[in-house]
C-alpha atoms as a PDB file:
ATOM      1  CA  MET A   1      23.276  14.703  -6.739  1.00  0.00           C
ATOM      2  CA  LYS A   2      20.646  17.111  -8.309  1.00  0.00           C
ATOM      3  CA  ILE A   3      17.210  15.848  -7.755  1.00  0.00           C
ATOM      4  CA  ASP A   4      14.631  18.308  -9.897  1.00  0.00           C
ATOM      5  CA  GLU A   5      11.330  19.441  -8.973  1.00  0.00           C
ATOM      6  CA  THR A   6       9.744  17.065 -11.715  1.00  0.00           C
ATOM      7  CA  THR A   7      10.988  14.336  -8.998  1.00  0.00           C
ATOM      8  CA  VAL A   8      10.265  15.910  -5.754  1.00  0.00           C
ATOM      9  CA  ARG A   9       6.563  16.487  -7.450  1.00  0.00           C
ATOM     10  CA  HIS A  10       6.587  12.322  -8.836  1.00  0.00           C
ATOM     11  CA  VAL A  11       7.288  11.229  -5.185  1.00  0.00           C
ATOM     12  CA  ALA A  12       4.594  13.623  -3.511  1.00  0.00           C
ATOM     13  CA  LYS A  13       2.096  12.260  -6.094  1.00  0.00           C
ATOM     14  CA  LEU A  14       2.757   8.578  -4.863  1.00  0.00           C
ATOM     15  CA  ALA A  15       2.766   9.735  -1.635  1.00  0.00           C
ATOM     16  CA  SER A  16      -0.259  10.881  -1.638  1.00  0.00           C
ATOM     17  CA  LEU A  17       1.234  14.405  -0.436  1.00  0.00           C
ATOM     18  CA  ASP A  18      -0.342  18.102  -1.678  1.00  0.00           C
ATOM     19  CA  VAL A  19       2.747  20.217  -1.667  1.00  0.00           C
ATOM     20  CA  THR A  20       2.815  23.909  -2.514  1.00  0.00           C
ATOM     21  CA  ASP A  21       5.279  25.015  -5.344  1.00  0.00           C
ATOM     22  CA  GLU A  22       7.230  26.510  -2.482  1.00  0.00           C
ATOM     23  CA  GLU A  23       7.750  23.388  -0.963  1.00  0.00           C
ATOM     24  CA  VAL A  24       8.863  21.671  -4.175  1.00  0.00           C
ATOM     25  CA  THR A  25      12.175  24.141  -4.600  1.00  0.00           C
ATOM     26  CA  THR A  26      12.617  23.706  -0.671  1.00  0.00           C
ATOM     27  CA  PHE A  27      12.416  19.610  -1.590  1.00  0.00           C
ATOM     28  CA  SER A  28      14.389  20.098  -4.414  1.00  0.00           C
ATOM     29  CA  LYS A  29      16.924  21.732  -2.622  1.00  0.00           C
ATOM     30  CA  GLU A  30      17.053  20.088   0.780  1.00  0.00           C
ATOM     31  CA  LEU A  31      16.708  16.680  -1.193  1.00  0.00           C
ATOM     32  CA  SER A  32      19.542  17.245  -3.435  1.00  0.00           C
ATOM     33  CA  ALA A  33      21.984  18.686  -0.626  1.00  0.00           C
ATOM     34  CA  ILE A  34      21.037  15.378   1.683  1.00  0.00           C
ATOM     35  CA  LEU A  35      22.306  13.270  -1.560  1.00  0.00           C
ATOM     36  CA  ASP A  36      25.561  15.606  -2.096  1.00  0.00           C
ATOM     37  CA  TYR A  37      26.647  14.217   1.577  1.00  0.00           C
ATOM     38  CA  VAL A  38      25.711  11.183   1.303  1.00  0.00           C
ATOM     39  CA  ASP A  39      27.883  10.609  -1.714  1.00  0.00           C
ATOM     40  CA  LEU A  40      30.626  12.597   0.270  1.00  0.00           C
ATOM     41  CA  LEU A  41      30.507   9.858   2.626  1.00  0.00           C
ATOM     42  CA  SER A  42      30.563   6.912   0.042  1.00  0.00           C
ATOM     43  CA  GLN A  43      34.204   8.356  -0.728  1.00  0.00           C
ATOM     44  CA  ALA A  44      34.518   8.221   2.608  1.00  0.00           C
ATOM     45  CA  ASP A  45      37.725   5.535   4.023  1.00  0.00           C
ATOM     46  CA  PHE A  46      36.724   3.242   6.515  1.00  0.00           C
ATOM     47  CA  SER A  47      39.504   0.865   5.916  1.00  0.00           C
ATOM     48  CA  ALA A  48      41.269   1.461   9.253  1.00  0.00           C
ATOM     49  CA  LEU A  49      38.256   0.923  11.062  1.00  0.00           C
ATOM     50  CA  ASN A  50      36.756  -2.947  11.920  1.00  0.00           C
ATOM     51  CA  PRO A  51      33.322  -3.371  11.752  1.00  0.00           C
ATOM     52  CA  ALA A  52      33.549  -6.211  14.647  1.00  0.00           C
ATOM     53  CA  ASP A  53      34.492  -2.916  17.199  1.00  0.00           C
ATOM     54  CA  ARG A  54      31.615  -1.592  19.135  1.00  0.00           C
ATOM     55  CA  HIS A  55      32.340   1.551  20.358  1.00  0.00           C
ATOM     56  CA  HIS A  56      29.130   2.636  21.262  1.00  0.00           C
ATOM     57  CA  GLU A  57      29.145  -0.379  24.172  1.00  0.00           C
ATOM     58  CA  ALA A  58      32.063   1.032  25.897  1.00  0.00           C
ATOM     59  CA  VAL A  59      31.288   3.835  26.297  1.00  0.00           C
ATOM     60  CA  ILE A  60      27.356   2.565  27.842  1.00  0.00           C
ATOM     61  CA  ILE A  61      29.839   0.837  29.919  1.00  0.00           C
ATOM     62  CA  SER A  62      32.221   2.835  30.800  1.00  0.00           C
ATOM     63  CA  GLY A  63      29.644   5.892  32.436  1.00  0.00           C
ATOM     64  CA  LEU A  64      30.323   8.485  30.219  1.00  0.00           C
ATOM     65  CA  SER A  65      27.336   8.011  28.122  1.00  0.00           C
ATOM     66  CA  PRO A  66      25.489  11.460  27.780  1.00  0.00           C
ATOM     67  CA  LEU A  67      21.870   9.726  28.109  1.00  0.00           C
ATOM     68  CA  ARG A  68      20.098   9.529  31.296  1.00  0.00           C
ATOM     69  CA  PRO A  69      20.047   6.092  32.223  1.00  0.00           C
ATOM     70  CA  ASP A  70      17.031   3.980  31.449  1.00  0.00           C
ATOM     71  CA  VAL A  71      14.916   4.230  35.109  1.00  0.00           C
ATOM     72  CA  ALA A  72      10.960   3.990  35.070  1.00  0.00           C
ATOM     73  CA  GLU A  73       9.259   6.455  37.024  1.00  0.00           C
ATOM     74  CA  ARG A  74       6.008   8.239  37.921  1.00  0.00           C
ATOM     75  CA  ARG A  75       6.851  11.553  36.184  1.00  0.00           C
ATOM     76  CA  PHE A  76       2.340  12.287  36.084  1.00  0.00           C
ATOM     77  CA  THR A  77      -0.550  11.287  38.087  1.00  0.00           C
ATOM     78  CA  ARG A  78      -3.661   8.794  35.893  1.00  0.00           C
ATOM     79  CA  GLN A  79      -5.422  12.361  36.469  1.00  0.00           C
ATOM     80  CA  GLN A  80      -2.704  14.534  34.599  1.00  0.00           C
ATOM     81  CA  LEU A  81      -2.621  12.409  31.859  1.00  0.00           C
ATOM     82  CA  MET A  82      -6.169  12.363  31.534  1.00  0.00           C
ATOM     83  CA  ILE A  83      -6.725  16.053  30.760  1.00  0.00           C
ATOM     84  CA  ASN A  84      -5.177  15.113  27.342  1.00  0.00           C
ATOM     85  CA  ALA A  85      -8.200  12.791  26.640  1.00  0.00           C
ATOM     86  CA  ALA A  86     -10.113  13.783  23.415  1.00  0.00           C
ATOM     87  CA  LEU A  87     -13.009  12.945  24.243  1.00  0.00           C
ATOM     88  CA  PRO A  88     -14.872  12.973  28.192  1.00  0.00           C
ATOM     89  CA  LEU A  89     -14.072  10.030  30.098  1.00  0.00           C
ATOM     90  CA  ASP A  90     -16.498   7.867  31.462  1.00  0.00           C
ATOM     91  CA  PRO A  91     -16.570   7.582  35.269  1.00  0.00           C
ATOM     92  CA  ASP A  92     -17.258   3.668  34.903  1.00  0.00           C
ATOM     93  CA  GLU A  93     -13.687   3.812  33.121  1.00  0.00           C
ATOM     94  CA  ASP A  94     -11.441   6.335  33.940  1.00  0.00           C
ATOM     95  CA  ALA A  95      -8.176   4.354  33.653  1.00  0.00           C
ATOM     96  CA  PHE A  96      -8.418   4.891  29.482  1.00  0.00           C
ATOM     97  CA  PHE A  97      -8.169   7.220  26.547  1.00  0.00           C
ATOM     98  CA  ARG A  98     -11.498   7.006  24.291  1.00  0.00           C
ATOM     99  CA  VAL A  99     -10.851   7.756  21.150  1.00  0.00           C
ATOM    100  CA  PRO A 100     -13.417   8.800  18.323  1.00  0.00           C
ATOM    101  CA  LYS A 101     -15.037   6.047  16.083  1.00  0.00           C
ATOM    102  CA  ILE A 102     -12.846   5.282  12.889  1.00  0.00           C
ATOM    103  CA  LEU A 103     -13.896   1.892  11.269  1.00  0.00           C
ATOM    104  CA  GLU A 104     -17.446   0.580  10.906  1.00  0.00           C
ATOM    105  CA  SER A 105     -17.760  -3.199  12.502  1.00  0.00           C
END
């Protein structure tokens, strides 16, 4: 499916995005390629697959998952994390990030 530049500009306007002419051209090509791939998938025959099968769960249960275990661990000290704070730390409340006020009461 072809997404033309007019459609890209229209969607960008709806999303309140400023896009350059170069980005419009790039997005037009990329979105067209994505929709072509989705169209290709819609033509695939999935009739042999049972929707009730849960292969991903079998992989995880069998221990063959490529993902690491989800275990809580402390990787950084509080002081290491607070280095990234946007505003200076308040000595009385050094456990929290302080951020600039954006809403008026």
